[in-house]
């Protein structure tokens, strides 16, 4: 998906860029793991709130299965399609067309 995003940016394809950025963010959010309830921070007055130790604020990301990736991408596509329907109903044909193009930009990634 990263290569497709770079290509969309180079081609100045606004709809594909928006769709791929949104999908990438959704995947990144799904990979995030909950952090500790109490962060490891220093009580030092000179560095209040800083993480203790190198890498202490980093968290291991969760590895998504292919099925989870497809589920997230399908949900992103469905959101775009729902938005397009709503925009069309509101008479916003340009916005509807943009959202339909965004939904179509995700199609290459939805093959099983």
N, C-alpha and C. Protein backbone atom coordinates (compact mmCIF):
# COMPACT_ATOMS: atom_id res chain seq x y z
N UNK A 1 0.83 -1.19 0.00
CA UNK A 1 0.00 0.00 0.00
C UNK A 1 0.87 1.25 0.00
N UNK A 2 2.03 1.15 0.60
CA UNK A 2 2.93 2.30 0.64
C UNK A 2 3.38 2.74 -0.74
N UNK A 3 3.65 1.77 -1.60
CA UNK A 3 4.05 2.08 -2.97
C UNK A 3 2.91 2.75 -3.72
N UNK A 4 1.70 2.24 -3.53
CA UNK A 4 0.53 2.83 -4.19
C UNK A 4 0.31 4.26 -3.71
N UNK A 5 0.55 4.51 -2.43
CA UNK A 5 0.40 5.86 -1.90
C UNK A 5 1.42 6.81 -2.52
N UNK A 6 2.67 6.35 -2.62
CA UNK A 6 3.70 7.18 -3.25
C UNK A 6 3.35 7.49 -4.69
N UNK A 7 2.83 6.49 -5.40
CA UNK A 7 2.43 6.70 -6.79
C UNK A 7 1.29 7.69 -6.88
N UNK A 8 0.30 7.55 -6.01
CA UNK A 8 -0.84 8.48 -6.00
C UNK A 8 -0.38 9.91 -5.70
N UNK A 9 0.56 10.04 -4.78
CA UNK A 9 1.09 11.37 -4.47
C UNK A 9 1.82 11.96 -5.66
N UNK A 10 2.65 11.14 -6.31
CA UNK A 10 3.38 11.60 -7.48
C UNK A 10 2.44 12.02 -8.61
N UNK A 11 1.35 11.27 -8.77
CA UNK A 11 0.39 11.56 -9.84
C UNK A 11 -0.63 12.62 -9.44
N UNK A 12 -0.50 13.09 -8.21
CA UNK A 12 -1.43 14.10 -7.67
C UNK A 12 -2.88 13.65 -7.74
N UNK A 13 -3.07 12.36 -7.45
CA UNK A 13 -4.41 11.77 -7.43
C UNK A 13 -4.99 11.97 -6.03
N UNK A 14 -5.77 13.03 -5.89
CA UNK A 14 -6.30 13.41 -4.57
C UNK A 14 -7.14 12.31 -3.94
N UNK A 15 -8.00 11.69 -4.73
CA UNK A 15 -8.91 10.68 -4.18
C UNK A 15 -8.15 9.44 -3.72
N UNK A 16 -7.24 8.96 -4.56
CA UNK A 16 -6.47 7.78 -4.17
C UNK A 16 -5.59 8.09 -2.96
N UNK A 17 -4.98 9.27 -2.96
CA UNK A 17 -4.14 9.66 -1.82
C UNK A 17 -4.95 9.69 -0.53
N UNK A 18 -6.12 10.28 -0.58
CA UNK A 18 -6.97 10.35 0.62
C UNK A 18 -7.37 8.96 1.09
N UNK A 19 -7.79 8.12 0.15
CA UNK A 19 -8.23 6.76 0.51
C UNK A 19 -7.08 5.95 1.11
N UNK A 20 -5.92 6.02 0.49
CA UNK A 20 -4.79 5.23 0.95
C UNK A 20 -4.24 5.74 2.28
N UNK A 21 -4.26 7.04 2.49
CA UNK A 21 -3.83 7.59 3.78
C UNK A 21 -4.79 7.17 4.89
N UNK A 22 -6.08 7.26 4.60
CA UNK A 22 -7.07 6.86 5.60
C UNK A 22 -6.97 5.38 5.92
N UNK A 23 -6.81 4.57 4.90
CA UNK A 23 -6.69 3.12 5.11
C UNK A 23 -5.42 2.79 5.88
N UNK A 24 -4.32 3.45 5.54
CA UNK A 24 -3.06 3.22 6.25
C UNK A 24 -3.18 3.59 7.73
N UNK A 25 -3.85 4.69 7.99
CA UNK A 25 -4.06 5.12 9.38
C UNK A 25 -4.94 4.12 10.13
N UNK A 26 -5.97 3.62 9.47
CA UNK A 26 -6.86 2.63 10.10
C UNK A 26 -6.08 1.36 10.43
N UNK A 27 -5.22 0.94 9.52
CA UNK A 27 -4.40 -0.26 9.77
C UNK A 27 -3.41 0.00 10.91
N UNK A 28 -2.80 1.17 10.92
CA UNK A 28 -1.85 1.50 11.99
C UNK A 28 -2.56 1.54 13.35
N UNK A 29 -3.76 2.07 13.37
CA UNK A 29 -4.52 2.10 14.62
C UNK A 29 -4.86 0.70 15.09
N UNK A 30 -5.17 -0.18 14.16
CA UNK A 30 -5.50 -1.56 14.53
C UNK A 30 -4.28 -2.31 15.03
N UNK A 31 -3.10 -1.92 14.57
CA UNK A 31 -1.87 -2.57 15.01
C UNK A 31 -1.43 -2.11 16.40
N UNK A 32 -1.94 -0.99 16.84
CA UNK A 32 -1.54 -0.45 18.14
C UNK A 32 -2.02 -1.36 19.26
N UNK A 33 -1.22 -1.46 20.28
CA UNK A 33 -1.59 -2.25 21.46
C UNK A 33 -1.84 -1.29 22.61
N UNK A 34 -2.70 -1.68 23.53
CA UNK A 34 -2.94 -0.80 24.68
C UNK A 34 -1.65 -0.61 25.47
N UNK A 35 -1.45 0.60 25.95
CA UNK A 35 -0.25 0.88 26.75
C UNK A 35 -0.55 0.65 28.21
N UNK A 36 0.49 0.65 29.00
CA UNK A 36 0.35 0.47 30.45
C UNK A 36 -0.53 1.58 31.01
N UNK A 37 -1.26 1.26 32.07
CA UNK A 37 -2.13 2.27 32.67
C UNK A 37 -1.33 3.38 33.32
N UNK A 38 -0.18 3.04 33.85
CA UNK A 38 0.68 4.06 34.44
C UNK A 38 1.98 4.11 33.65
N UNK A 39 2.17 5.19 32.90
CA UNK A 39 3.39 5.27 32.09
C UNK A 39 4.63 5.35 32.95
N UNK A 40 5.72 4.84 32.42
CA UNK A 40 7.01 4.90 33.11
C UNK A 40 7.62 6.26 32.83
N UNK A 41 7.36 7.20 33.73
CA UNK A 41 7.89 8.55 33.55
C UNK A 41 8.76 8.92 34.74
N UNK A 42 9.63 9.86 34.51
CA UNK A 42 10.51 10.28 35.58
C UNK A 42 9.82 11.33 36.44
N UNK A 43 10.19 11.38 37.68
CA UNK A 43 9.67 12.40 38.56
C UNK A 43 10.65 13.55 38.70
N UNK A 44 11.68 13.54 37.89
CA UNK A 44 12.71 14.56 37.92
C UNK A 44 12.11 15.91 37.54
N UNK A 45 12.40 16.93 38.31
CA UNK A 45 11.85 18.25 38.05
C UNK A 45 12.35 18.86 36.75
N UNK A 46 13.51 18.43 36.27
CA UNK A 46 14.07 18.98 35.04
C UNK A 46 13.52 18.30 33.79
N UNK A 47 13.01 17.09 33.95
CA UNK A 47 12.51 16.33 32.81
C UNK A 47 11.15 15.72 33.15
N UNK A 48 10.27 16.51 33.65
CA UNK A 48 8.95 16.03 34.07
C UNK A 48 8.23 15.36 32.92
N UNK A 49 7.73 14.17 33.18
CA UNK A 49 6.94 13.47 32.19
C UNK A 49 7.74 12.76 31.12
N UNK A 50 9.06 12.78 31.21
CA UNK A 50 9.85 12.09 30.19
C UNK A 50 9.89 10.60 30.49
N UNK A 51 9.97 9.81 29.44
CA UNK A 51 10.01 8.36 29.60
C UNK A 51 11.35 7.94 30.19
N UNK A 52 11.32 6.92 31.02
CA UNK A 52 12.53 6.42 31.66
C UNK A 52 13.18 5.40 30.75
N UNK A 53 14.41 5.64 30.37
CA UNK A 53 15.17 4.68 29.58
C UNK A 53 14.92 4.78 28.09
N UNK A 54 15.92 4.37 27.33
CA UNK A 54 15.83 4.40 25.88
C UNK A 54 14.77 3.41 25.42
N UNK A 55 13.85 3.88 24.61
CA UNK A 55 12.80 3.01 24.07
C UNK A 55 11.68 2.70 25.04
N UNK A 56 11.69 3.31 26.22
CA UNK A 56 10.67 3.00 27.22
C UNK A 56 9.27 3.41 26.77
N UNK A 57 9.19 4.39 25.90
CA UNK A 57 7.88 4.84 25.45
C UNK A 57 7.41 4.09 24.20
N UNK A 58 8.24 3.21 23.67
CA UNK A 58 7.88 2.44 22.48
C UNK A 58 7.07 1.22 22.88
N UNK A 59 6.14 0.84 22.03
CA UNK A 59 5.34 -0.35 22.28
C UNK A 59 5.42 -1.24 21.05
N UNK A 60 5.47 -2.52 21.28
CA UNK A 60 5.49 -3.47 20.17
C UNK A 60 4.13 -3.41 19.49
N UNK A 61 4.14 -3.39 18.16
CA UNK A 61 2.89 -3.33 17.40
C UNK A 61 2.40 -4.74 17.17
N UNK A 62 1.12 -4.87 17.09
CA UNK A 62 0.48 -6.15 16.86
C UNK A 62 0.52 -6.47 15.37
N UNK A 63 0.73 -7.72 15.04
CA UNK A 63 0.76 -8.16 13.64
C UNK A 63 -0.66 -8.54 13.22
N UNK A 64 -1.18 -7.87 12.20
CA UNK A 64 -2.53 -8.15 11.72
C UNK A 64 -2.51 -9.34 10.77
N UNK A 65 -3.55 -10.16 10.85
CA UNK A 65 -3.69 -11.26 9.90
C UNK A 65 -4.22 -10.69 8.59
N UNK A 66 -4.11 -11.45 7.53
CA UNK A 66 -4.63 -11.02 6.23
C UNK A 66 -6.14 -10.78 6.33
N UNK A 67 -6.83 -11.63 7.08
CA UNK A 67 -8.28 -11.48 7.25
C UNK A 67 -8.61 -10.18 7.97
N UNK A 68 -7.82 -9.81 8.97
CA UNK A 68 -8.06 -8.56 9.69
C UNK A 68 -7.81 -7.35 8.78
N UNK A 69 -6.75 -7.43 7.98
CA UNK A 69 -6.45 -6.34 7.04
C UNK A 69 -7.60 -6.17 6.06
N UNK A 70 -8.06 -7.28 5.50
CA UNK A 70 -9.18 -7.21 4.55
C UNK A 70 -10.44 -6.65 5.20
N UNK A 71 -10.71 -7.05 6.43
CA UNK A 71 -11.89 -6.55 7.15
C UNK A 71 -11.81 -5.03 7.33
N UNK A 72 -10.64 -4.53 7.69
CA UNK A 72 -10.45 -3.09 7.89
C UNK A 72 -10.60 -2.35 6.57
N UNK A 73 -9.98 -2.88 5.52
CA UNK A 73 -10.07 -2.23 4.21
C UNK A 73 -11.49 -2.24 3.67
N UNK A 74 -12.20 -3.34 3.88
CA UNK A 74 -13.61 -3.39 3.46
C UNK A 74 -14.44 -2.36 4.21
N UNK A 75 -14.17 -2.21 5.50
CA UNK A 75 -14.89 -1.21 6.29
C UNK A 75 -14.60 0.20 5.79
N UNK A 76 -13.34 0.47 5.43
CA UNK A 76 -12.98 1.78 4.90
C UNK A 76 -13.70 2.04 3.57
N UNK A 77 -13.75 1.01 2.72
CA UNK A 77 -14.44 1.16 1.45
C UNK A 77 -15.93 1.41 1.68
N UNK A 78 -16.51 0.65 2.60
CA UNK A 78 -17.94 0.81 2.89
C UNK A 78 -18.23 2.21 3.44
N UNK A 79 -17.35 2.73 4.27
CA UNK A 79 -17.52 4.10 4.78
C UNK A 79 -17.53 5.11 3.64
N UNK A 80 -16.63 4.91 2.68
CA UNK A 80 -16.58 5.82 1.53
C UNK A 80 -17.86 5.70 0.69
N UNK A 81 -18.33 4.48 0.49
CA UNK A 81 -19.56 4.28 -0.28
C UNK A 81 -20.77 4.87 0.43
N UNK A 82 -20.83 4.69 1.75
CA UNK A 82 -21.93 5.28 2.53
C UNK A 82 -21.89 6.80 2.45
N UNK A 83 -20.70 7.37 2.55
CA UNK A 83 -20.54 8.82 2.43
C UNK A 83 -20.95 9.31 1.06
N UNK A 84 -20.62 8.53 0.03
CA UNK A 84 -21.00 8.91 -1.34
C UNK A 84 -22.52 8.92 -1.50
N UNK A 85 -23.18 7.91 -0.92
CA UNK A 85 -24.65 7.87 -0.98
C UNK A 85 -25.25 9.08 -0.27
N UNK A 86 -24.72 9.41 0.88
CA UNK A 86 -25.23 10.54 1.64
C UNK A 86 -24.98 11.85 0.89
N UNK A 87 -23.80 11.99 0.31
CA UNK A 87 -23.48 13.20 -0.45
C UNK A 87 -24.39 13.32 -1.67
N UNK A 88 -24.62 12.21 -2.34
CA UNK A 88 -25.51 12.21 -3.51
C UNK A 88 -26.92 12.62 -3.10
N UNK A 89 -27.39 12.09 -1.99
CA UNK A 89 -28.74 12.42 -1.51
C UNK A 89 -28.85 13.89 -1.14
N UNK A 90 -27.73 14.48 -0.72
CA UNK A 90 -27.72 15.89 -0.34
C UNK A 90 -27.44 16.80 -1.54
N UNK A 91 -27.33 16.20 -2.71
CA UNK A 91 -27.10 16.98 -3.91
C UNK A 91 -25.65 17.40 -4.12
N UNK A 92 -24.73 16.79 -3.37
CA UNK A 92 -23.30 17.13 -3.47
C UNK A 92 -22.63 16.13 -4.42
N UNK A 93 -22.88 16.30 -5.70
CA UNK A 93 -22.41 15.32 -6.68
C UNK A 93 -20.89 15.27 -6.79
N UNK A 94 -20.22 16.39 -6.63
CA UNK A 94 -18.75 16.38 -6.69
C UNK A 94 -18.16 15.59 -5.53
N UNK A 95 -18.71 15.82 -4.35
CA UNK A 95 -18.24 15.09 -3.16
C UNK A 95 -18.53 13.60 -3.31
N UNK A 96 -19.71 13.27 -3.83
CA UNK A 96 -20.07 11.87 -4.04
C UNK A 96 -19.10 11.21 -5.01
N UNK A 97 -18.75 11.90 -6.07
CA UNK A 97 -17.80 11.36 -7.05
C UNK A 97 -16.43 11.15 -6.42
N UNK A 98 -15.99 12.08 -5.59
CA UNK A 98 -14.71 11.93 -4.89
C UNK A 98 -14.72 10.69 -4.00
N UNK A 99 -15.79 10.50 -3.26
CA UNK A 99 -15.87 9.36 -2.36
C UNK A 99 -15.96 8.03 -3.12
N UNK A 100 -16.64 8.03 -4.25
CA UNK A 100 -16.69 6.82 -5.07
C UNK A 100 -15.30 6.49 -5.62
N UNK A 101 -14.55 7.51 -6.00
CA UNK A 101 -13.18 7.30 -6.47
C UNK A 101 -12.29 6.78 -5.34
N UNK A 102 -12.52 7.28 -4.12
CA UNK A 102 -11.76 6.79 -2.97
C UNK A 102 -12.06 5.33 -2.71
N UNK A 103 -13.32 4.96 -2.79
CA UNK A 103 -13.70 3.56 -2.60
C UNK A 103 -13.05 2.69 -3.66
N UNK A 104 -13.04 3.14 -4.89
CA UNK A 104 -12.45 2.38 -5.99
C UNK A 104 -10.93 2.23 -5.82
N UNK A 105 -10.29 3.21 -5.20
CA UNK A 105 -8.84 3.16 -5.00
C UNK A 105 -8.43 2.03 -4.07
N UNK A 106 -9.35 1.55 -3.26
CA UNK A 106 -9.05 0.46 -2.33
C UNK A 106 -9.24 -0.92 -2.97
N UNK A 107 -9.91 -0.98 -4.11
CA UNK A 107 -10.22 -2.26 -4.76
C UNK A 107 -9.00 -3.15 -4.98
N UNK A 108 -7.86 -2.62 -5.45
CA UNK A 108 -6.72 -3.52 -5.67
C UNK A 108 -6.23 -4.25 -4.43
N UNK A 109 -6.56 -3.75 -3.26
CA UNK A 109 -6.09 -4.33 -2.01
C UNK A 109 -7.12 -5.27 -1.37
N UNK A 110 -8.25 -5.44 -2.02
CA UNK A 110 -9.33 -6.24 -1.44
C UNK A 110 -9.44 -7.64 -2.04
N UNK A 111 -8.41 -8.09 -2.71
CA UNK A 111 -8.44 -9.44 -3.25
C UNK A 111 -8.00 -10.42 -2.18
N UNK A 112 -8.69 -11.53 -2.10
CA UNK A 112 -8.38 -12.54 -1.08
C UNK A 112 -7.16 -13.36 -1.40
